[in-house]
Structure formats: C-alpha cells, structure tokens
Amino acid sequence: MYYQLTDSDSGEDLGIVKVTNVGEVANFDEEVKESWNEFHVLEEHDLDNCDVDEFVDWNNENRVTQIERVFLEIL
C-alpha cells in the first residue's frame, strides 16, 4: 500500500511512503493516516513537520505499522 503525503495547508505533494510491515494491526491504513496527522498537523515532536524522511523515522519508532520512503521516477 502506497501513501502520497501532502501538506495540509498548501496541498503540495511532499513525498510517498509505502507500508513494509503491519505487524498485528488490523487497520494499518488508518494508522498511517493518523500517524501523518500527528506528525504533520499536530506536530507532537521537535522535527520538521514537512520532512518525509523524518516522518518515516518518527513513525517507525512510534507505531507498529512500519513504512519506508519511496521515490518514483516519471519518464
């Protein structure tokens, strides 16, 4: 499952992540969305809330559902 992360204010696309491990989470889709909201909107940390790499690290330390950054090359 892939997720396009967008800026909540401007709507700008910030990056893409994909789920790599869901553990025993039944609703991993909702967990990723909640995690992005906590990181980006609520800013429950001292990190750059628009940095997708920092989000991936933060998410993987704080959530069961593990994600990784994805880079796509459009030809």
N, C-alpha and C. Protein backbone atom coordinates (compact mmCIF):
# COMPACT_ATOMS: atom_id res chain seq x y z
N MET A 1 0.85 -1.17 0.00
CA MET A 1 0.00 0.00 0.00
C MET A 1 0.90 1.24 0.00
N TYR A 2 0.62 2.17 -0.89
CA TYR A 2 1.38 3.41 -1.02
C TYR A 2 0.53 4.59 -0.56
N TYR A 3 1.19 5.61 0.02
CA TYR A 3 0.51 6.80 0.51
C TYR A 3 1.23 8.05 0.02
N GLN A 4 0.49 8.94 -0.63
CA GLN A 4 1.02 10.23 -1.02
C GLN A 4 0.80 11.17 0.15
N LEU A 5 1.88 11.73 0.67
CA LEU A 5 1.79 12.66 1.79
C LEU A 5 1.72 14.08 1.25
N THR A 6 0.74 14.82 1.71
CA THR A 6 0.55 16.18 1.23
C THR A 6 0.58 17.17 2.38
N ASP A 7 0.95 18.40 2.06
CA ASP A 7 0.94 19.48 3.03
C ASP A 7 -0.50 19.85 3.31
N SER A 8 -0.88 19.90 4.57
CA SER A 8 -2.27 20.18 4.94
C SER A 8 -2.69 21.60 4.60
N ASP A 9 -1.75 22.53 4.52
CA ASP A 9 -2.09 23.92 4.21
C ASP A 9 -2.11 24.19 2.71
N SER A 10 -1.04 23.83 2.01
CA SER A 10 -0.91 24.17 0.59
C SER A 10 -1.41 23.08 -0.34
N GLY A 11 -1.52 21.85 0.14
CA GLY A 11 -1.90 20.74 -0.71
C GLY A 11 -0.74 20.20 -1.54
N GLU A 12 0.46 20.75 -1.34
CA GLU A 12 1.66 20.34 -2.08
C GLU A 12 2.00 18.89 -1.74
N ASP A 13 2.37 18.12 -2.77
CA ASP A 13 2.83 16.76 -2.55
C ASP A 13 4.22 16.79 -1.94
N LEU A 14 4.39 16.12 -0.80
CA LEU A 14 5.66 16.14 -0.09
C LEU A 14 6.47 14.87 -0.31
N GLY A 15 5.81 13.77 -0.58
CA GLY A 15 6.51 12.51 -0.80
C GLY A 15 5.58 11.33 -0.70
N ILE A 16 6.14 10.17 -0.98
CA ILE A 16 5.37 8.93 -0.97
C ILE A 16 6.03 7.95 -0.02
N VAL A 17 5.20 7.24 0.74
CA VAL A 17 5.68 6.16 1.59
C VAL A 17 4.89 4.90 1.29
N LYS A 18 5.49 3.77 1.61
CA LYS A 18 4.75 2.51 1.47
C LYS A 18 4.90 1.71 2.76
N VAL A 19 3.89 0.94 3.03
CA VAL A 19 3.87 0.08 4.22
C VAL A 19 4.75 -1.12 3.95
N THR A 20 5.65 -1.41 4.89
CA THR A 20 6.54 -2.56 4.75
C THR A 20 6.23 -3.67 5.75
N ASN A 21 5.56 -3.33 6.86
CA ASN A 21 5.24 -4.32 7.87
C ASN A 21 4.06 -3.82 8.69
N VAL A 22 3.02 -4.61 8.80
CA VAL A 22 1.83 -4.19 9.56
C VAL A 22 1.73 -4.84 10.92
N GLY A 23 2.60 -5.78 11.21
CA GLY A 23 2.52 -6.46 12.50
C GLY A 23 1.14 -7.08 12.67
N GLU A 24 0.52 -6.83 13.80
CA GLU A 24 -0.81 -7.37 14.08
C GLU A 24 -1.89 -6.28 14.00
N VAL A 25 -1.61 -5.21 13.29
CA VAL A 25 -2.56 -4.10 13.17
C VAL A 25 -3.59 -4.44 12.11
N ALA A 26 -4.85 -4.44 12.50
CA ALA A 26 -5.92 -4.77 11.57
C ALA A 26 -6.19 -3.65 10.57
N ASN A 27 -6.11 -2.41 11.03
CA ASN A 27 -6.42 -1.28 10.18
C ASN A 27 -5.18 -0.41 9.99
N PHE A 28 -4.18 -0.96 9.28
CA PHE A 28 -2.93 -0.23 9.09
C PHE A 28 -3.12 1.02 8.24
N ASP A 29 -4.11 1.03 7.36
CA ASP A 29 -4.39 2.20 6.54
C ASP A 29 -4.72 3.40 7.43
N GLU A 30 -5.57 3.19 8.39
CA GLU A 30 -5.95 4.26 9.32
C GLU A 30 -4.77 4.65 10.20
N GLU A 31 -3.95 3.69 10.59
CA GLU A 31 -2.80 4.00 11.44
C GLU A 31 -1.82 4.93 10.72
N VAL A 32 -1.55 4.69 9.44
CA VAL A 32 -0.63 5.55 8.70
C VAL A 32 -1.21 6.96 8.57
N LYS A 33 -2.49 7.06 8.29
CA LYS A 33 -3.13 8.38 8.17
C LYS A 33 -3.10 9.13 9.51
N GLU A 34 -3.40 8.44 10.60
CA GLU A 34 -3.35 9.06 11.93
C GLU A 34 -1.93 9.49 12.28
N SER A 35 -0.96 8.66 11.92
CA SER A 35 0.43 8.98 12.21
C SER A 35 0.87 10.24 11.47
N TRP A 36 0.51 10.35 10.18
CA TRP A 36 0.86 11.55 9.41
C TRP A 36 0.18 12.77 10.02
N ASN A 37 -1.06 12.64 10.45
CA ASN A 37 -1.76 13.77 11.08
C ASN A 37 -1.04 14.20 12.36
N GLU A 38 -0.66 13.25 13.20
CA GLU A 38 0.06 13.59 14.43
C GLU A 38 1.39 14.27 14.12
N PHE A 39 2.10 13.75 13.13
CA PHE A 39 3.42 14.30 12.80
C PHE A 39 3.31 15.64 12.10
N HIS A 40 2.46 15.72 11.09
CA HIS A 40 2.40 16.90 10.22
C HIS A 40 1.52 18.02 10.78
N VAL A 41 0.34 17.71 11.24
CA VAL A 41 -0.61 18.73 11.68
C VAL A 41 -0.45 19.05 13.16
N LEU A 42 -0.45 18.04 13.99
CA LEU A 42 -0.38 18.26 15.44
C LEU A 42 1.03 18.54 15.92
N GLU A 43 2.03 18.15 15.13
CA GLU A 43 3.44 18.38 15.43
C GLU A 43 3.81 17.98 16.86
N GLU A 44 3.56 16.72 17.19
CA GLU A 44 3.86 16.20 18.52
C GLU A 44 5.32 15.76 18.64
N HIS A 45 6.25 16.69 18.26
CA HIS A 45 7.68 16.39 18.22
C HIS A 45 8.43 17.69 17.96
N ASP A 46 9.75 17.61 17.89
CA ASP A 46 10.59 18.78 17.60
C ASP A 46 11.23 18.68 16.22
N LEU A 47 10.62 17.96 15.31
CA LEU A 47 11.17 17.74 13.97
C LEU A 47 10.50 18.66 12.95
N ASP A 48 11.04 18.67 11.73
CA ASP A 48 10.44 19.41 10.62
C ASP A 48 9.19 18.66 10.17
N ASN A 49 8.02 19.25 10.36
CA ASN A 49 6.77 18.54 10.10
C ASN A 49 6.49 18.28 8.62
N CYS A 50 7.32 18.79 7.73
CA CYS A 50 7.16 18.55 6.29
C CYS A 50 8.22 17.62 5.73
N ASP A 51 9.13 17.15 6.55
CA ASP A 51 10.22 16.29 6.11
C ASP A 51 9.77 14.83 6.14
N VAL A 52 9.60 14.25 4.97
CA VAL A 52 9.09 12.88 4.87
C VAL A 52 10.07 11.88 5.47
N ASP A 53 11.37 12.08 5.29
CA ASP A 53 12.36 11.17 5.87
C ASP A 53 12.28 11.17 7.40
N GLU A 54 12.12 12.35 7.98
CA GLU A 54 11.97 12.43 9.44
C GLU A 54 10.66 11.78 9.88
N PHE A 55 9.62 11.93 9.07
CA PHE A 55 8.35 11.28 9.39
C PHE A 55 8.51 9.77 9.40
N VAL A 56 9.20 9.22 8.42
CA VAL A 56 9.39 7.77 8.35
C VAL A 56 10.09 7.28 9.62
N ASP A 57 11.18 7.93 10.00
CA ASP A 57 11.90 7.54 11.21
C ASP A 57 11.01 7.66 12.44
N TRP A 58 10.30 8.78 12.56
CA TRP A 58 9.41 9.03 13.70
C TRP A 58 8.31 7.97 13.76
N ASN A 59 7.68 7.70 12.62
CA ASN A 59 6.61 6.71 12.56
C ASN A 59 7.12 5.33 12.99
N ASN A 60 8.26 4.93 12.44
CA ASN A 60 8.78 3.60 12.72
C ASN A 60 9.21 3.41 14.17
N GLU A 61 9.50 4.50 14.86
CA GLU A 61 9.83 4.42 16.29
C GLU A 61 8.57 4.41 17.16
N ASN A 62 7.46 4.93 16.64
CA ASN A 62 6.27 5.14 17.47
C ASN A 62 5.05 4.31 17.07
N ARG A 63 5.12 3.58 15.99
CA ARG A 63 3.97 2.82 15.51
C ARG A 63 4.33 1.37 15.22
N VAL A 64 3.33 0.51 15.26
CA VAL A 64 3.51 -0.89 14.89
C VAL A 64 3.69 -0.99 13.37
N THR A 65 2.87 -0.28 12.62
CA THR A 65 2.97 -0.30 11.16
C THR A 65 4.25 0.41 10.74
N GLN A 66 5.09 -0.30 10.02
CA GLN A 66 6.37 0.23 9.56
C GLN A 66 6.26 0.69 8.11
N ILE A 67 6.93 1.79 7.79
CA ILE A 67 6.87 2.36 6.45
C ILE A 67 8.27 2.68 5.95
N GLU A 68 8.37 2.91 4.64
CA GLU A 68 9.63 3.39 4.07
C GLU A 68 9.33 4.41 2.99
N ARG A 69 10.29 5.27 2.74
CA ARG A 69 10.17 6.32 1.73
C ARG A 69 10.29 5.70 0.36
N VAL A 70 9.50 6.19 -0.58
CA VAL A 70 9.53 5.71 -1.96
C VAL A 70 9.80 6.89 -2.88
N PHE A 71 10.71 6.69 -3.82
CA PHE A 71 10.99 7.69 -4.83
C PHE A 71 10.58 7.11 -6.18
N LEU A 72 9.79 7.87 -6.92
CA LEU A 72 9.34 7.43 -8.24
C LEU A 72 9.98 8.30 -9.30
N GLU A 73 10.42 7.66 -10.36
CA GLU A 73 10.96 8.39 -11.49
C GLU A 73 9.93 8.35 -12.61
N ILE A 74 9.47 9.51 -13.00
CA ILE A 74 8.47 9.59 -14.06
C ILE A 74 9.19 9.81 -15.37
N LEU A 75 8.97 8.92 -16.29
CA LEU A 75 9.65 9.01 -17.59
C LEU A 75 8.76 9.63 -18.64
